[in-house]
Amino acid sequence: MRVVCWPAAPLLAHHSFGAEYDGNKPVTLTGVVTSIQWTNPNFYFFIDVKDPNGKVANWKFEGYPPVVLNRIGWKRTETMLPGDTVTVFGWQARFV
């Protein structure tokens, strides 16, 4: 499965993209989904990503609110599940 996810900040008014994310640090990562949180105000998911040496790091991603994901056709029990391999595009947080 291939998923592209942007932080919700640039499209929603509740916080500033520039305050939370570094527009100069885009990332594209492929990994295995380990956890999903369909919570308000944002959807979060975690993936295990292996570096070239085989070391695994768990990355956290923030996405749109669940109500928005439902409107665009995402289904909690189908669209993305733990164990799926996904590719994600986003920006690194300023404060990690």
N, C-alpha and C. Protein backbone atom coordinates (compact mmCIF):
# COMPACT_ATOMS: atom_id res chain seq x y z
N MET A 1 0.84 -1.17 0.00
CA MET A 1 0.00 0.00 0.00
C MET A 1 0.89 1.23 0.00
N ARG A 2 0.52 2.25 -0.72
CA ARG A 2 1.26 3.50 -0.78
C ARG A 2 0.36 4.61 -0.25
N VAL A 3 0.84 5.35 0.71
CA VAL A 3 0.07 6.44 1.32
C VAL A 3 0.92 7.69 1.28
N VAL A 4 0.33 8.78 0.87
CA VAL A 4 1.00 10.07 0.94
C VAL A 4 0.26 10.87 2.00
N CYS A 5 0.98 11.42 2.94
CA CYS A 5 0.35 12.13 4.04
C CYS A 5 1.09 13.43 4.30
N TRP A 6 0.35 14.49 4.39
CA TRP A 6 0.92 15.78 4.73
C TRP A 6 0.49 16.13 6.13
N PRO A 7 1.28 16.91 6.82
CA PRO A 7 0.80 17.41 8.11
C PRO A 7 -0.45 18.25 7.87
N ALA A 8 -1.39 18.21 8.76
CA ALA A 8 -2.63 18.95 8.61
C ALA A 8 -2.44 20.46 8.72
N ALA A 9 -1.37 20.88 9.33
CA ALA A 9 -1.17 22.29 9.66
C ALA A 9 -1.31 23.26 8.48
N PRO A 10 -0.75 22.99 7.28
CA PRO A 10 -0.84 24.02 6.26
C PRO A 10 -2.25 24.24 5.75
N LEU A 11 -3.15 23.29 5.96
CA LEU A 11 -4.48 23.42 5.42
C LEU A 11 -5.53 23.76 6.47
N LEU A 12 -5.20 23.68 7.71
CA LEU A 12 -6.14 23.95 8.78
C LEU A 12 -5.66 25.14 9.60
N ALA A 13 -6.59 25.83 10.20
CA ALA A 13 -6.25 27.08 10.88
C ALA A 13 -5.83 26.91 12.33
N HIS A 14 -5.85 25.71 12.89
CA HIS A 14 -5.60 25.60 14.32
C HIS A 14 -4.14 25.76 14.73
N HIS A 15 -3.21 25.63 13.83
CA HIS A 15 -1.81 25.97 14.13
C HIS A 15 -1.05 26.21 12.84
N SER A 16 0.06 26.90 12.96
CA SER A 16 0.85 27.32 11.81
C SER A 16 1.81 26.23 11.36
N PHE A 17 1.87 25.99 10.05
CA PHE A 17 2.82 25.03 9.50
C PHE A 17 4.24 25.41 9.90
N GLY A 18 4.61 26.68 9.68
CA GLY A 18 5.97 27.13 9.94
C GLY A 18 6.39 27.06 11.40
N ALA A 19 5.41 27.13 12.30
CA ALA A 19 5.73 27.05 13.73
C ALA A 19 6.06 25.63 14.16
N GLU A 20 5.49 24.65 13.47
CA GLU A 20 5.67 23.26 13.90
C GLU A 20 6.53 22.42 12.97
N TYR A 21 6.57 22.76 11.68
CA TYR A 21 7.29 21.94 10.71
C TYR A 21 8.33 22.77 9.98
N ASP A 22 9.42 22.12 9.57
CA ASP A 22 10.50 22.79 8.85
C ASP A 22 10.31 22.53 7.36
N GLY A 23 9.87 23.55 6.63
CA GLY A 23 9.62 23.43 5.19
C GLY A 23 10.87 23.10 4.39
N ASN A 24 12.05 23.23 5.00
CA ASN A 24 13.31 22.90 4.34
C ASN A 24 13.75 21.46 4.59
N LYS A 25 12.93 20.70 5.32
CA LYS A 25 13.31 19.33 5.65
C LYS A 25 12.21 18.33 5.25
N PRO A 26 11.96 18.21 3.92
CA PRO A 26 10.99 17.21 3.51
C PRO A 26 11.57 15.81 3.69
N VAL A 27 10.70 14.85 3.95
CA VAL A 27 11.13 13.46 4.09
C VAL A 27 10.17 12.57 3.31
N THR A 28 10.72 11.53 2.74
CA THR A 28 9.93 10.46 2.14
C THR A 28 10.47 9.17 2.73
N LEU A 29 9.62 8.44 3.42
CA LEU A 29 10.04 7.23 4.12
C LEU A 29 9.11 6.08 3.78
N THR A 30 9.67 4.89 3.73
CA THR A 30 8.88 3.67 3.55
C THR A 30 9.11 2.81 4.78
N GLY A 31 8.02 2.29 5.32
CA GLY A 31 8.13 1.46 6.50
C GLY A 31 6.85 0.69 6.78
N VAL A 32 6.85 -0.02 7.88
CA VAL A 32 5.72 -0.85 8.28
C VAL A 32 4.94 -0.13 9.37
N VAL A 33 3.63 -0.02 9.19
CA VAL A 33 2.76 0.63 10.17
C VAL A 33 2.75 -0.19 11.46
N THR A 34 3.03 0.48 12.57
CA THR A 34 3.04 -0.20 13.87
C THR A 34 1.85 0.17 14.73
N SER A 35 1.31 1.38 14.54
CA SER A 35 0.21 1.84 15.36
C SER A 35 -0.54 2.96 14.64
N ILE A 36 -1.86 3.03 14.89
CA ILE A 36 -2.70 4.07 14.31
C ILE A 36 -3.59 4.62 15.41
N GLN A 37 -3.72 5.95 15.43
CA GLN A 37 -4.58 6.61 16.42
C GLN A 37 -5.58 7.51 15.68
N TRP A 38 -6.82 7.09 15.62
CA TRP A 38 -7.89 7.87 15.00
C TRP A 38 -8.44 8.81 16.06
N THR A 39 -7.68 9.84 16.41
CA THR A 39 -8.05 10.75 17.48
C THR A 39 -8.27 12.16 16.95
N ASN A 40 -9.02 12.95 17.70
CA ASN A 40 -9.17 14.36 17.37
C ASN A 40 -8.18 15.15 18.21
N PRO A 41 -7.61 16.22 17.73
CA PRO A 41 -7.99 16.85 16.48
C PRO A 41 -7.26 16.29 15.26
N ASN A 42 -6.31 15.39 15.43
CA ASN A 42 -5.56 14.86 14.29
C ASN A 42 -5.42 13.35 14.36
N PHE A 43 -5.26 12.77 13.20
CA PHE A 43 -4.98 11.35 13.01
C PHE A 43 -3.46 11.19 13.15
N TYR A 44 -3.01 10.18 13.89
CA TYR A 44 -1.59 9.89 14.03
C TYR A 44 -1.33 8.44 13.65
N PHE A 45 -0.17 8.21 13.04
CA PHE A 45 0.25 6.83 12.81
C PHE A 45 1.75 6.75 12.94
N PHE A 46 2.23 5.56 13.23
CA PHE A 46 3.63 5.30 13.50
C PHE A 46 4.11 4.22 12.55
N ILE A 47 5.33 4.39 12.02
CA ILE A 47 5.90 3.36 11.15
C ILE A 47 7.33 3.05 11.57
N ASP A 48 7.71 1.79 11.41
CA ASP A 48 9.10 1.37 11.62
C ASP A 48 9.83 1.51 10.29
N VAL A 49 10.92 2.26 10.31
CA VAL A 49 11.73 2.52 9.11
C VAL A 49 13.14 2.00 9.36
N LYS A 50 13.66 1.21 8.41
CA LYS A 50 15.03 0.71 8.52
C LYS A 50 15.98 1.63 7.79
N ASP A 51 17.11 1.94 8.44
CA ASP A 51 18.14 2.72 7.76
C ASP A 51 19.01 1.77 6.93
N PRO A 52 19.94 2.30 6.14
CA PRO A 52 20.78 1.43 5.29
C PRO A 52 21.55 0.35 6.05
N ASN A 53 21.79 0.56 7.36
CA ASN A 53 22.51 -0.44 8.17
C ASN A 53 21.59 -1.45 8.83
N GLY A 54 20.28 -1.31 8.59
CA GLY A 54 19.32 -2.24 9.16
C GLY A 54 18.77 -1.83 10.52
N LYS A 55 19.21 -0.69 11.04
CA LYS A 55 18.70 -0.20 12.33
C LYS A 55 17.29 0.36 12.13
N VAL A 56 16.37 0.00 13.03
CA VAL A 56 14.97 0.41 12.91
C VAL A 56 14.68 1.60 13.81
N ALA A 57 13.99 2.59 13.24
CA ALA A 57 13.52 3.75 14.01
C ALA A 57 12.02 3.85 13.82
N ASN A 58 11.30 4.18 14.89
CA ASN A 58 9.85 4.34 14.82
C ASN A 58 9.54 5.83 14.62
N TRP A 59 8.87 6.16 13.51
CA TRP A 59 8.54 7.53 13.16
C TRP A 59 7.06 7.78 13.43
N LYS A 60 6.74 8.98 13.92
CA LYS A 60 5.36 9.39 14.17
C LYS A 60 4.95 10.39 13.09
N PHE A 61 3.74 10.21 12.55
CA PHE A 61 3.20 11.12 11.54
C PHE A 61 1.85 11.64 11.98
N GLU A 62 1.59 12.90 11.64
CA GLU A 62 0.33 13.56 11.96
C GLU A 62 -0.40 13.82 10.66
N GLY A 63 -1.71 13.59 10.66
CA GLY A 63 -2.49 13.82 9.45
C GLY A 63 -3.77 14.57 9.75
N TYR A 64 -4.64 14.55 8.78
CA TYR A 64 -5.93 15.22 8.90
C TYR A 64 -6.77 14.64 10.03
N PRO A 65 -7.77 15.38 10.50
CA PRO A 65 -8.68 14.84 11.51
C PRO A 65 -9.45 13.64 10.94
N PRO A 66 -9.86 12.71 11.79
CA PRO A 66 -10.61 11.54 11.32
C PRO A 66 -11.84 11.89 10.49
N VAL A 67 -12.56 12.95 10.84
CA VAL A 67 -13.76 13.31 10.08
C VAL A 67 -13.40 13.66 8.63
N VAL A 68 -12.27 14.31 8.42
CA VAL A 68 -11.82 14.65 7.06
C VAL A 68 -11.43 13.37 6.32
N LEU A 69 -10.71 12.48 6.98
CA LEU A 69 -10.32 11.22 6.35
C LEU A 69 -11.56 10.42 5.95
N ASN A 70 -12.57 10.39 6.80
CA ASN A 70 -13.81 9.70 6.45
C ASN A 70 -14.47 10.31 5.24
N ARG A 71 -14.47 11.63 5.17
CA ARG A 71 -15.10 12.33 4.02
C ARG A 71 -14.40 12.02 2.70
N ILE A 72 -13.09 11.79 2.74
CA ILE A 72 -12.38 11.50 1.50
C ILE A 72 -12.30 10.00 1.21
N GLY A 73 -13.00 9.20 2.02
CA GLY A 73 -13.12 7.78 1.73
C GLY A 73 -12.28 6.82 2.54
N TRP A 74 -11.50 7.34 3.49
CA TRP A 74 -10.72 6.43 4.34
C TRP A 74 -11.65 5.65 5.24
N LYS A 75 -11.34 4.39 5.42
CA LYS A 75 -12.10 3.53 6.33
C LYS A 75 -11.17 3.00 7.40
N ARG A 76 -11.58 3.17 8.65
CA ARG A 76 -10.75 2.81 9.80
C ARG A 76 -10.28 1.36 9.75
N THR A 77 -11.10 0.46 9.25
CA THR A 77 -10.76 -0.97 9.25
C THR A 77 -10.22 -1.46 7.91
N GLU A 78 -9.96 -0.54 6.96
CA GLU A 78 -9.51 -0.97 5.63
C GLU A 78 -8.34 -0.19 5.05
N THR A 79 -8.34 1.14 5.21
CA THR A 79 -7.42 1.97 4.45
C THR A 79 -5.96 1.78 4.85
N MET A 80 -5.68 1.83 6.13
CA MET A 80 -4.32 1.61 6.61
C MET A 80 -4.42 0.84 7.92
N LEU A 81 -3.68 -0.25 8.01
CA LEU A 81 -3.73 -1.11 9.18
C LEU A 81 -2.32 -1.43 9.67
N PRO A 82 -2.15 -1.72 10.96
CA PRO A 82 -0.84 -2.18 11.43
C PRO A 82 -0.39 -3.39 10.59
N GLY A 83 0.89 -3.36 10.21
CA GLY A 83 1.45 -4.41 9.37
C GLY A 83 1.54 -4.02 7.90
N ASP A 84 0.78 -3.00 7.47
CA ASP A 84 0.87 -2.53 6.09
C ASP A 84 2.21 -1.83 5.87
N THR A 85 2.75 -1.96 4.68
CA THR A 85 3.94 -1.21 4.28
C THR A 85 3.46 0.02 3.53
N VAL A 86 3.92 1.20 3.96
CA VAL A 86 3.49 2.46 3.36
C VAL A 86 4.69 3.33 3.02
N THR A 87 4.49 4.22 2.07
CA THR A 87 5.46 5.26 1.77
C THR A 87 4.80 6.58 2.12
N VAL A 88 5.52 7.40 2.90
CA VAL A 88 4.96 8.64 3.43
C VAL A 88 5.83 9.81 3.01
N PHE A 89 5.18 10.89 2.57
CA PHE A 89 5.88 12.14 2.29
C PHE A 89 5.38 13.17 3.29
N GLY A 90 6.30 13.90 3.90
CA GLY A 90 5.93 14.94 4.84
C GLY A 90 7.13 15.81 5.15
N TRP A 91 7.01 16.60 6.20
CA TRP A 91 8.10 17.48 6.64
C TRP A 91 8.42 17.17 8.10
N GLN A 92 9.70 17.26 8.44
CA GLN A 92 10.11 17.01 9.82
C GLN A 92 9.64 18.13 10.73
N ALA A 93 9.32 17.75 11.96
CA ALA A 93 8.95 18.73 12.97
C ALA A 93 10.17 19.58 13.32
N ARG A 94 9.93 20.81 13.67
CA ARG A 94 11.03 21.69 14.08
C ARG A 94 11.67 21.20 15.37
N PHE A 95 10.87 20.72 16.30
CA PHE A 95 11.37 20.27 17.60
C PHE A 95 11.14 18.79 17.72
N VAL A 96 12.19 18.02 17.54
CA VAL A 96 12.07 16.57 17.59
C VAL A 96 12.62 16.07 18.90
